[in-house]
Amino acid sequence: MKIVDVQTFLVGNVQPYRSGQYWLFVKLISDEGIEGIGEWSTAHVGRLESQIKLIENLAQQFVINTNPFQIELLWQKIFASEHDFRHPGLDFTLALGAIEIAC
């Protein structure tokens, strides 16, 4: 089984907006038609476009054509991708969490 598509979508939250005004969901679709959904809490920071673009970029670089059951391998590839210090930053960690949940 391989992941063939990654989609993102925003869902408006209800007041009092716990975890932010919007929720960002990530959907992974396999070549067998199985779908998984993960969530990224957008908090109250904004920058929704950059959060969506980050997930799309990570998906193209690391997620498409991978086995969704090899979560630890995928996690290690993304986590260590930017440098050798193995600490990519809070934005990568949140995006990775959403992808991991979807797997």
C-alpha atoms as a PDB file:
ATOM      1  CA  MET A   1       0.000   0.000   0.000  1.00  0.00           C
ATOM      2  CA  LYS A   2       1.273   3.475  -0.917  1.00  0.00           C
ATOM      3  CA  ILE A   3       0.035   6.993  -0.234  1.00  0.00           C
ATOM      4  CA  VAL A   4      -0.940   8.553  -3.554  1.00  0.00           C
ATOM      5  CA  ASP A   5      -2.514  11.858  -2.555  1.00  0.00           C
ATOM      6  CA  VAL A   6      -2.477  14.361   0.291  1.00  0.00           C
ATOM      7  CA  GLN A   7      -5.241  16.909   0.728  1.00  0.00           C
ATOM      8  CA  THR A   8      -5.716  19.689   3.258  1.00  0.00           C
ATOM      9  CA  PHE A   9      -8.896  21.419   4.294  1.00  0.00           C
ATOM     10  CA  LEU A  10      -9.928  24.028   6.849  1.00  0.00           C
ATOM     11  CA  VAL A  11     -12.929  23.707   9.104  1.00  0.00           C
ATOM     12  CA  GLY A  12     -14.270  26.668  11.036  1.00  0.00           C
ATOM     13  CA  ASN A  13     -14.384  26.241  14.792  1.00  0.00           C
ATOM     14  CA  VAL A  14     -17.231  27.381  17.038  1.00  0.00           C
ATOM     15  CA  GLN A  15     -16.770  30.079  19.630  1.00  0.00           C
ATOM     16  CA  PRO A  16     -14.990  30.404  22.048  1.00  0.00           C
ATOM     17  CA  TYR A  17     -12.486  29.073  19.456  1.00  0.00           C
ATOM     18  CA  ARG A  18     -10.557  26.609  21.592  1.00  0.00           C
ATOM     19  CA  SER A  19      -7.450  25.614  19.640  1.00  0.00           C
ATOM     20  CA  GLY A  20      -8.012  28.476  17.226  1.00  0.00           C
ATOM     21  CA  GLN A  21     -10.671  29.817  14.902  1.00  0.00           C
ATOM     22  CA  TYR A  22      -9.971  27.077  12.352  1.00  0.00           C
ATOM     23  CA  TRP A  23      -8.878  23.485  12.377  1.00  0.00           C
ATOM     24  CA  LEU A  24      -6.562  22.304   9.622  1.00  0.00           C
ATOM     25  CA  PHE A  25      -7.127  18.704   8.574  1.00  0.00           C
ATOM     26  CA  VAL A  26      -4.813  16.536   6.488  1.00  0.00           C
ATOM     27  CA  LYS A  27      -6.209  13.647   4.463  1.00  0.00           C
ATOM     28  CA  LEU A  28      -3.915  10.920   3.158  1.00  0.00           C
ATOM     29  CA  ILE A  29      -5.306   8.695   0.401  1.00  0.00           C
ATOM     30  CA  SER A  30      -3.789   5.316  -0.439  1.00  0.00           C
ATOM     31  CA  ASP A  31      -3.680   3.488  -3.745  1.00  0.00           C
ATOM     32  CA  GLU A  32      -6.164   1.023  -2.221  1.00  0.00           C
ATOM     33  CA  GLY A  33      -8.695   3.763  -1.493  1.00  0.00           C
ATOM     34  CA  ILE A  34      -8.090   3.824   2.249  1.00  0.00           C
ATOM     35  CA  GLU A  35      -8.076   7.332   3.729  1.00  0.00           C
ATOM     36  CA  GLY A  36      -6.650   8.660   6.974  1.00  0.00           C
ATOM     37  CA  ILE A  37      -7.267  12.052   8.535  1.00  0.00           C
ATOM     38  CA  GLY A  38      -4.994  13.994  10.867  1.00  0.00           C
ATOM     39  CA  GLU A  39      -5.470  17.379  12.525  1.00  0.00           C
ATOM     40  CA  TRP A  40      -3.227  20.372  13.069  1.00  0.00           C
ATOM     41  CA  SER A  41      -4.438  22.883  15.619  1.00  0.00           C
ATOM     42  CA  THR A  42      -3.952  26.314  14.055  1.00  0.00           C
ATOM     43  CA  ALA A  43      -4.107  28.027  17.471  1.00  0.00           C
ATOM     44  CA  HIS A  44      -4.704  31.743  17.254  1.00  0.00           C
ATOM     45  CA  VAL A  45      -1.652  32.596  15.185  1.00  0.00           C
ATOM     46  CA  GLY A  46      -3.046  32.861  11.687  1.00  0.00           C
ATOM     47  CA  ARG A  47      -0.685  32.133   8.792  1.00  0.00           C
ATOM     48  CA  LEU A  48      -3.050  29.470   7.486  1.00  0.00           C
ATOM     49  CA  GLU A  49      -1.656  29.647   3.950  1.00  0.00           C
ATOM     50  CA  SER A  50       1.890  28.955   5.124  1.00  0.00           C
ATOM     51  CA  GLN A  51       0.722  26.041   7.280  1.00  0.00           C
ATOM     52  CA  ILE A  52      -1.114  24.510   4.324  1.00  0.00           C
ATOM     53  CA  LYS A  53       1.878  25.073   2.028  1.00  0.00           C
ATOM     54  CA  LEU A  54       4.208  23.402   4.539  1.00  0.00           C
ATOM     55  CA  ILE A  55       2.064  20.262   4.604  1.00  0.00           C
ATOM     56  CA  GLU A  56       1.838  20.227   0.801  1.00  0.00           C
ATOM     57  CA  ASN A  57       5.616  20.588   0.481  1.00  0.00           C
ATOM     58  CA  LEU A  58       6.329  17.858   3.038  1.00  0.00           C
ATOM     59  CA  ALA A  59       3.823  15.603   1.305  1.00  0.00           C
ATOM     60  CA  GLN A  60       5.452  16.041  -2.098  1.00  0.00           C
ATOM     61  CA  GLN A  61       8.935  15.564  -0.702  1.00  0.00           C
ATOM     62  CA  PHE A  62       8.403  12.731   1.785  1.00  0.00           C
ATOM     63  CA  VAL A  63       4.861  11.314   1.974  1.00  0.00           C
ATOM     64  CA  ILE A  64       3.693  10.529  -1.573  1.00  0.00           C
ATOM     65  CA  ASN A  65       4.597   6.953  -2.613  1.00  0.00           C
ATOM     66  CA  THR A  66       5.409   5.837   0.936  1.00  0.00           C
ATOM     67  CA  ASN A  67       3.859   3.080   2.985  1.00  0.00           C
ATOM     68  CA  PRO A  68       1.508   4.596   5.611  1.00  0.00           C
ATOM     69  CA  PHE A  69       2.330   1.748   7.997  1.00  0.00           C
ATOM     70  CA  GLN A  70       6.012   2.716   8.174  1.00  0.00           C
ATOM     71  CA  ILE A  71       5.233   5.692  10.378  1.00  0.00           C
ATOM     72  CA  GLU A  72       8.525   5.718  12.305  1.00  0.00           C
ATOM     73  CA  LEU A  73      10.605   5.687   9.115  1.00  0.00           C
ATOM     74  CA  LEU A  74       8.534   8.514   7.627  1.00  0.00           C
ATOM     75  CA  TRP A  75       8.757  10.451  10.890  1.00  0.00           C
ATOM     76  CA  GLN A  76      12.544  10.107  11.015  1.00  0.00           C
ATOM     77  CA  LYS A  77      12.941  11.209   7.386  1.00  0.00           C
ATOM     78  CA  ILE A  78      10.886  14.353   7.882  1.00  0.00           C
ATOM     79  CA  PHE A  79      12.246  15.158  11.338  1.00  0.00           C
ATOM     80  CA  ALA A  80      15.897  14.944  10.254  1.00  0.00           C
ATOM     81  CA  SER A  81      15.476  16.361   6.762  1.00  0.00           C
ATOM     82  CA  GLU A  82      16.479  19.994   7.161  1.00  0.00           C
ATOM     83  CA  HIS A  83      19.760  19.552   9.049  1.00  0.00           C
ATOM     84  CA  ASP A  84      21.759  17.184  11.222  1.00  0.00           C
ATOM     85  CA  PHE A  85      20.564  18.592  14.536  1.00  0.00           C
ATOM     86  CA  ARG A  86      17.299  16.619  14.367  1.00  0.00           C
ATOM     87  CA  HIS A  87      15.206  19.502  15.661  1.00  0.00           C
ATOM     88  CA  PRO A  88      13.352  21.031  12.716  1.00  0.00           C
ATOM     89  CA  GLY A  89      11.194  23.510  14.635  1.00  0.00           C
ATOM     90  CA  LEU A  90       7.671  23.819  15.931  1.00  0.00           C
ATOM     91  CA  ASP A  91       6.049  24.216  12.522  1.00  0.00           C
ATOM     92  CA  PHE A  92       7.555  20.981  11.190  1.00  0.00           C
ATOM     93  CA  THR A  93       6.669  19.147  14.379  1.00  0.00           C
ATOM     94  CA  LEU A  94       2.994  20.161  14.152  1.00  0.00           C
ATOM     95  CA  ALA A  95       2.790  19.257  10.463  1.00  0.00           C
ATOM     96  CA  LEU A  96       4.501  15.947  11.161  1.00  0.00           C
ATOM     97  CA  GLY A  97       2.015  15.225  13.937  1.00  0.00           C
ATOM     98  CA  ALA A  98      -0.920  15.751  11.567  1.00  0.00           C
ATOM     99  CA  ILE A  99       0.664  13.477   8.948  1.00  0.00           C
ATOM    100  CA  GLU A 100       1.436  10.840  11.580  1.00  0.00           C
ATOM    101  CA  ILE A 101      -2.154  10.846  12.858  1.00  0.00           C
ATOM    102  CA  ALA A 102      -3.440  10.458   9.293  1.00  0.00           C
ATOM    103  CA  CYS A 103      -1.189   7.433   8.757  1.00  0.00           C
END
